[in-house]
Amino acid sequence: MVDVVIGEFMDAAAETIASMREGSVLINTARINTARNVSRVLEENA
């Protein structure tokens, strides 16, 4: 389960790097923050 969240986080990070030229960094930053929050909740509940 945690591996899935880490994978989603890495995907979001890759998207952020790829989209920096497009000006959609804020959207991808929100995705990363969401992945971090989900990961933290899973760790607390583990």
PDB file of N, CA and C in Angstrom:
ATOM      1  N   MET A   1       0.835  -1.204   0.000  1.00  0.00           N
ATOM      2  CA  MET A   1       0.000   0.000   0.000  1.00  0.00           C
ATOM      3  C   MET A   1       0.870   1.254   0.000  1.00  0.00           C
ATOM      4  N   VAL A   2       1.845   1.286   0.892  1.00  0.00           N
ATOM      5  CA  VAL A   2       2.732   2.452   0.954  1.00  0.00           C
ATOM      6  C   VAL A   2       3.538   2.571  -0.338  1.00  0.00           C
ATOM      7  N   ASP A   3       3.905   1.433  -0.928  1.00  0.00           N
ATOM      8  CA  ASP A   3       4.656   1.463  -2.185  1.00  0.00           C
ATOM      9  C   ASP A   3       3.864   2.175  -3.276  1.00  0.00           C
ATOM     10  N   VAL A   4       2.547   1.968  -3.273  1.00  0.00           N
ATOM     11  CA  VAL A   4       1.695   2.616  -4.273  1.00  0.00           C
ATOM     12  C   VAL A   4       1.745   4.128  -4.096  1.00  0.00           C
ATOM     13  N   VAL A   5       1.665   4.581  -2.847  1.00  0.00           N
ATOM     14  CA  VAL A   5       1.694   6.022  -2.578  1.00  0.00           C
ATOM     15  C   VAL A   5       3.032   6.608  -2.990  1.00  0.00           C
ATOM     16  N   ILE A   6       4.128   5.898  -2.678  1.00  0.00           N
ATOM     17  CA  ILE A   6       5.456   6.372  -3.069  1.00  0.00           C
ATOM     18  C   ILE A   6       5.538   6.474  -4.592  1.00  0.00           C
ATOM     19  N   GLY A   7       4.982   5.489  -5.270  1.00  0.00           N
ATOM     20  CA  GLY A   7       4.969   5.519  -6.729  1.00  0.00           C
ATOM     21  C   GLY A   7       4.202   6.713  -7.258  1.00  0.00           C
ATOM     22  N   GLU A   8       3.051   7.000  -6.630  1.00  0.00           N
ATOM     23  CA  GLU A   8       2.261   8.155  -7.050  1.00  0.00           C
ATOM     24  C   GLU A   8       3.021   9.444  -6.788  1.00  0.00           C
ATOM     25  N   PHE A   9       3.729   9.495  -5.665  1.00  0.00           N
ATOM     26  CA  PHE A   9       4.526  10.676  -5.349  1.00  0.00           C
ATOM     27  C   PHE A   9       5.608  10.879  -6.400  1.00  0.00           C
ATOM     28  N   MET A  10       6.287   9.795  -6.780  1.00  0.00           N
ATOM     29  CA  MET A  10       7.348   9.908  -7.776  1.00  0.00           C
ATOM     30  C   MET A  10       6.768  10.350  -9.121  1.00  0.00           C
ATOM     31  N   ASP A  11       5.589   9.826  -9.461  1.00  0.00           N
ATOM     32  CA  ASP A  11       4.945  10.241 -10.706  1.00  0.00           C
ATOM     33  C   ASP A  11       4.631  11.728 -10.672  1.00  0.00           C
ATOM     34  N   ALA A  12       4.116  12.194  -9.532  1.00  0.00           N
ATOM     35  CA  ALA A  12       3.774  13.610  -9.412  1.00  0.00           C
ATOM     36  C   ALA A  12       5.024  14.472  -9.504  1.00  0.00           C
ATOM     37  N   ALA A  13       6.108  14.000  -8.891  1.00  0.00           N
ATOM     38  CA  ALA A  13       7.360  14.752  -8.948  1.00  0.00           C
ATOM     39  C   ALA A  13       7.867  14.825 -10.388  1.00  0.00           C
ATOM     40  N   ALA A  14       7.791  13.707 -11.093  1.00  0.00           N
ATOM     41  CA  ALA A  14       8.237  13.687 -12.487  1.00  0.00           C
ATOM     42  C   ALA A  14       7.376  14.611 -13.339  1.00  0.00           C
ATOM     43  N   GLU A  15       6.062  14.607 -13.079  1.00  0.00           N
ATOM     44  CA  GLU A  15       5.170  15.487 -13.834  1.00  0.00           C
ATOM     45  C   GLU A  15       5.500  16.950 -13.560  1.00  0.00           C
ATOM     46  N   THR A  16       5.820  17.249 -12.319  1.00  0.00           N
ATOM     47  CA  THR A  16       6.147  18.633 -11.961  1.00  0.00           C
ATOM     48  C   THR A  16       7.378  19.099 -12.716  1.00  0.00           C
ATOM     49  N   ILE A  17       8.411  18.256 -12.726  1.00  0.00           N
ATOM     50  CA  ILE A  17       9.645  18.613 -13.429  1.00  0.00           C
ATOM     51  C   ILE A  17       9.361  18.792 -14.922  1.00  0.00           C
ATOM     52  N   ALA A  18       8.549  17.900 -15.474  1.00  0.00           N
ATOM     53  CA  ALA A  18       8.270  17.946 -16.909  1.00  0.00           C
ATOM     54  C   ALA A  18       7.410  19.140 -17.288  1.00  0.00           C
ATOM     55  N   SER A  19       6.584  19.611 -16.351  1.00  0.00           N
ATOM     56  CA  SER A  19       5.622  20.656 -16.698  1.00  0.00           C
ATOM     57  C   SER A  19       6.073  22.049 -16.279  1.00  0.00           C
ATOM     58  N   MET A  20       7.287  22.177 -15.767  1.00  0.00           N
ATOM     59  CA  MET A  20       7.733  23.486 -15.308  1.00  0.00           C
ATOM     60  C   MET A  20       7.713  24.511 -16.435  1.00  0.00           C
ATOM     61  N   ARG A  21       7.943  24.061 -17.641  1.00  0.00           N
ATOM     62  CA  ARG A  21       7.930  24.975 -18.785  1.00  0.00           C
ATOM     63  C   ARG A  21       6.511  25.400 -19.134  1.00  0.00           C
ATOM     64  N   GLU A  22       5.534  24.614 -18.718  1.00  0.00           N
ATOM     65  CA  GLU A  22       4.148  24.879 -19.099  1.00  0.00           C
ATOM     66  C   GLU A  22       3.436  25.776 -18.103  1.00  0.00           C
ATOM     67  N   GLY A  23       4.067  26.056 -16.967  1.00  0.00           N
ATOM     68  CA  GLY A  23       3.461  26.954 -16.004  1.00  0.00           C
ATOM     69  C   GLY A  23       2.400  26.324 -15.138  1.00  0.00           C
ATOM     70  N   SER A  24       2.362  24.989 -15.074  1.00  0.00           N
ATOM     71  CA  SER A  24       1.348  24.329 -14.246  1.00  0.00           C
ATOM     72  C   SER A  24       1.982  23.728 -12.995  1.00  0.00           C
ATOM     73  N   VAL A  25       3.003  24.406 -12.496  1.00  0.00           N
ATOM     74  CA  VAL A  25       3.728  23.884 -11.335  1.00  0.00           C
ATOM     75  C   VAL A  25       2.824  23.833 -10.108  1.00  0.00           C
ATOM     76  N   LEU A  26       1.956  24.829  -9.956  1.00  0.00           N
ATOM     77  CA  LEU A  26       1.102  24.866  -8.768  1.00  0.00           C
ATOM     78  C   LEU A  26       0.191  23.651  -8.701  1.00  0.00           C
ATOM     79  N   ILE A  27      -0.339  23.244  -9.841  1.00  0.00           N
ATOM     80  CA  ILE A  27      -1.230  22.080  -9.870  1.00  0.00           C
ATOM     81  C   ILE A  27      -0.463  20.837  -9.446  1.00  0.00           C
ATOM     82  N   ASN A  28       0.729  20.666  -9.996  1.00  0.00           N
ATOM     83  CA  ASN A  28       1.512  19.481  -9.674  1.00  0.00           C
ATOM     84  C   ASN A  28       2.040  19.531  -8.254  1.00  0.00           C
ATOM     85  N   THR A  29       2.327  20.719  -7.744  1.00  0.00           N
ATOM     86  CA  THR A  29       2.738  20.841  -6.347  1.00  0.00           C
ATOM     87  C   THR A  29       1.606  20.375  -5.448  1.00  0.00           C
ATOM     88  N   ALA A  30       0.385  20.711  -5.808  1.00  0.00           N
ATOM     89  CA  ALA A  30      -0.769  20.252  -5.031  1.00  0.00           C
ATOM     90  C   ALA A  30      -0.852  18.735  -5.060  1.00  0.00           C
ATOM     91  N   ARG A  31      -0.553  18.125  -6.196  1.00  0.00           N
ATOM     92  CA  ARG A  31      -0.569  16.659  -6.292  1.00  0.00           C
ATOM     93  C   ARG A  31       0.486  16.055  -5.378  1.00  0.00           C
ATOM     94  N   ILE A  32       1.669  16.648  -5.368  1.00  0.00           N
ATOM     95  CA  ILE A  32       2.739  16.134  -4.511  1.00  0.00           C
ATOM     96  C   ILE A  32       2.345  16.260  -3.050  1.00  0.00           C
ATOM     97  N   ASN A  33       1.788  17.411  -2.676  1.00  0.00           N
ATOM     98  CA  ASN A  33       1.381  17.605  -1.288  1.00  0.00           C
ATOM     99  C   ASN A  33       0.312  16.597  -0.897  1.00  0.00           C
ATOM    100  N   THR A  34      -0.607  16.295  -1.809  1.00  0.00           N
ATOM    101  CA  THR A  34      -1.642  15.302  -1.532  1.00  0.00           C
ATOM    102  C   THR A  34      -1.010  13.934  -1.315  1.00  0.00           C
ATOM    103  N   ALA A  35      -0.055  13.567  -2.169  1.00  0.00           N
ATOM    104  CA  ALA A  35       0.615  12.276  -2.021  1.00  0.00           C
ATOM    105  C   ALA A  35       1.348  12.200  -0.689  1.00  0.00           C
ATOM    106  N   ARG A  36       1.983  13.289  -0.293  1.00  0.00           N
ATOM    107  CA  ARG A  36       2.685  13.313   0.991  1.00  0.00           C
ATOM    108  C   ARG A  36       1.709  13.127   2.141  1.00  0.00           C
ATOM    109  N   ASN A  37       0.576  13.812   2.064  1.00  0.00           N
ATOM    110  CA  ASN A  37      -0.413  13.714   3.135  1.00  0.00           C
ATOM    111  C   ASN A  37      -0.968  12.300   3.240  1.00  0.00           C
ATOM    112  N   VAL A  38      -1.270  11.689   2.114  1.00  0.00           N
ATOM    113  CA  VAL A  38      -1.785  10.318   2.113  1.00  0.00           C
ATOM    114  C   VAL A  38      -0.745   9.379   2.691  1.00  0.00           C
ATOM    115  N   SER A  39       0.512   9.566   2.290  1.00  0.00           N
ATOM    116  CA  SER A  39       1.593   8.719   2.788  1.00  0.00           C
ATOM    117  C   SER A  39       1.711   8.843   4.300  1.00  0.00           C
ATOM    118  N   ARG A  40       1.625  10.068   4.811  1.00  0.00           N
ATOM    119  CA  ARG A  40       1.746  10.290   6.253  1.00  0.00           C
ATOM    120  C   ARG A  40       0.600   9.612   6.999  1.00  0.00           C
ATOM    121  N   VAL A  41      -0.602   9.714   6.467  1.00  0.00           N
ATOM    122  CA  VAL A  41      -1.761   9.084   7.106  1.00  0.00           C
ATOM    123  C   VAL A  41      -1.589   7.574   7.135  1.00  0.00           C
ATOM    124  N   LEU A  42      -1.114   7.006   6.034  1.00  0.00           N
ATOM    125  CA  LEU A  42      -0.914   5.555   5.987  1.00  0.00           C
ATOM    126  C   LEU A  42       0.131   5.118   7.001  1.00  0.00           C
ATOM    127  N   GLU A  43       1.190   5.895   7.137  1.00  0.00           N
ATOM    128  CA  GLU A  43       2.231   5.551   8.105  1.00  0.00           C
ATOM    129  C   GLU A  43       1.698   5.627   9.527  1.00  0.00           C
ATOM    130  N   GLU A  44       0.857   6.626   9.806  1.00  0.00           N
ATOM    131  CA  GLU A  44       0.295   6.774  11.152  1.00  0.00           C
ATOM    132  C   GLU A  44      -0.649   5.625  11.475  1.00  0.00           C
ATOM    133  N   ASN A  45      -1.338   5.117  10.463  1.00  0.00           N
ATOM    134  CA  ASN A  45      -2.320   4.056  10.685  1.00  0.00           C
ATOM    135  C   ASN A  45      -1.698   2.669  10.603  1.00  0.00           C
ATOM    136  N   ALA A  46      -0.466   2.577  10.149  1.00  0.00           N
ATOM    137  CA  ALA A  46       0.183   1.272   9.973  1.00  0.00           C
ATOM    138  C   ALA A  46       0.475   0.627  11.323  1.00  0.00           C
TER     139      ALA A  46
END
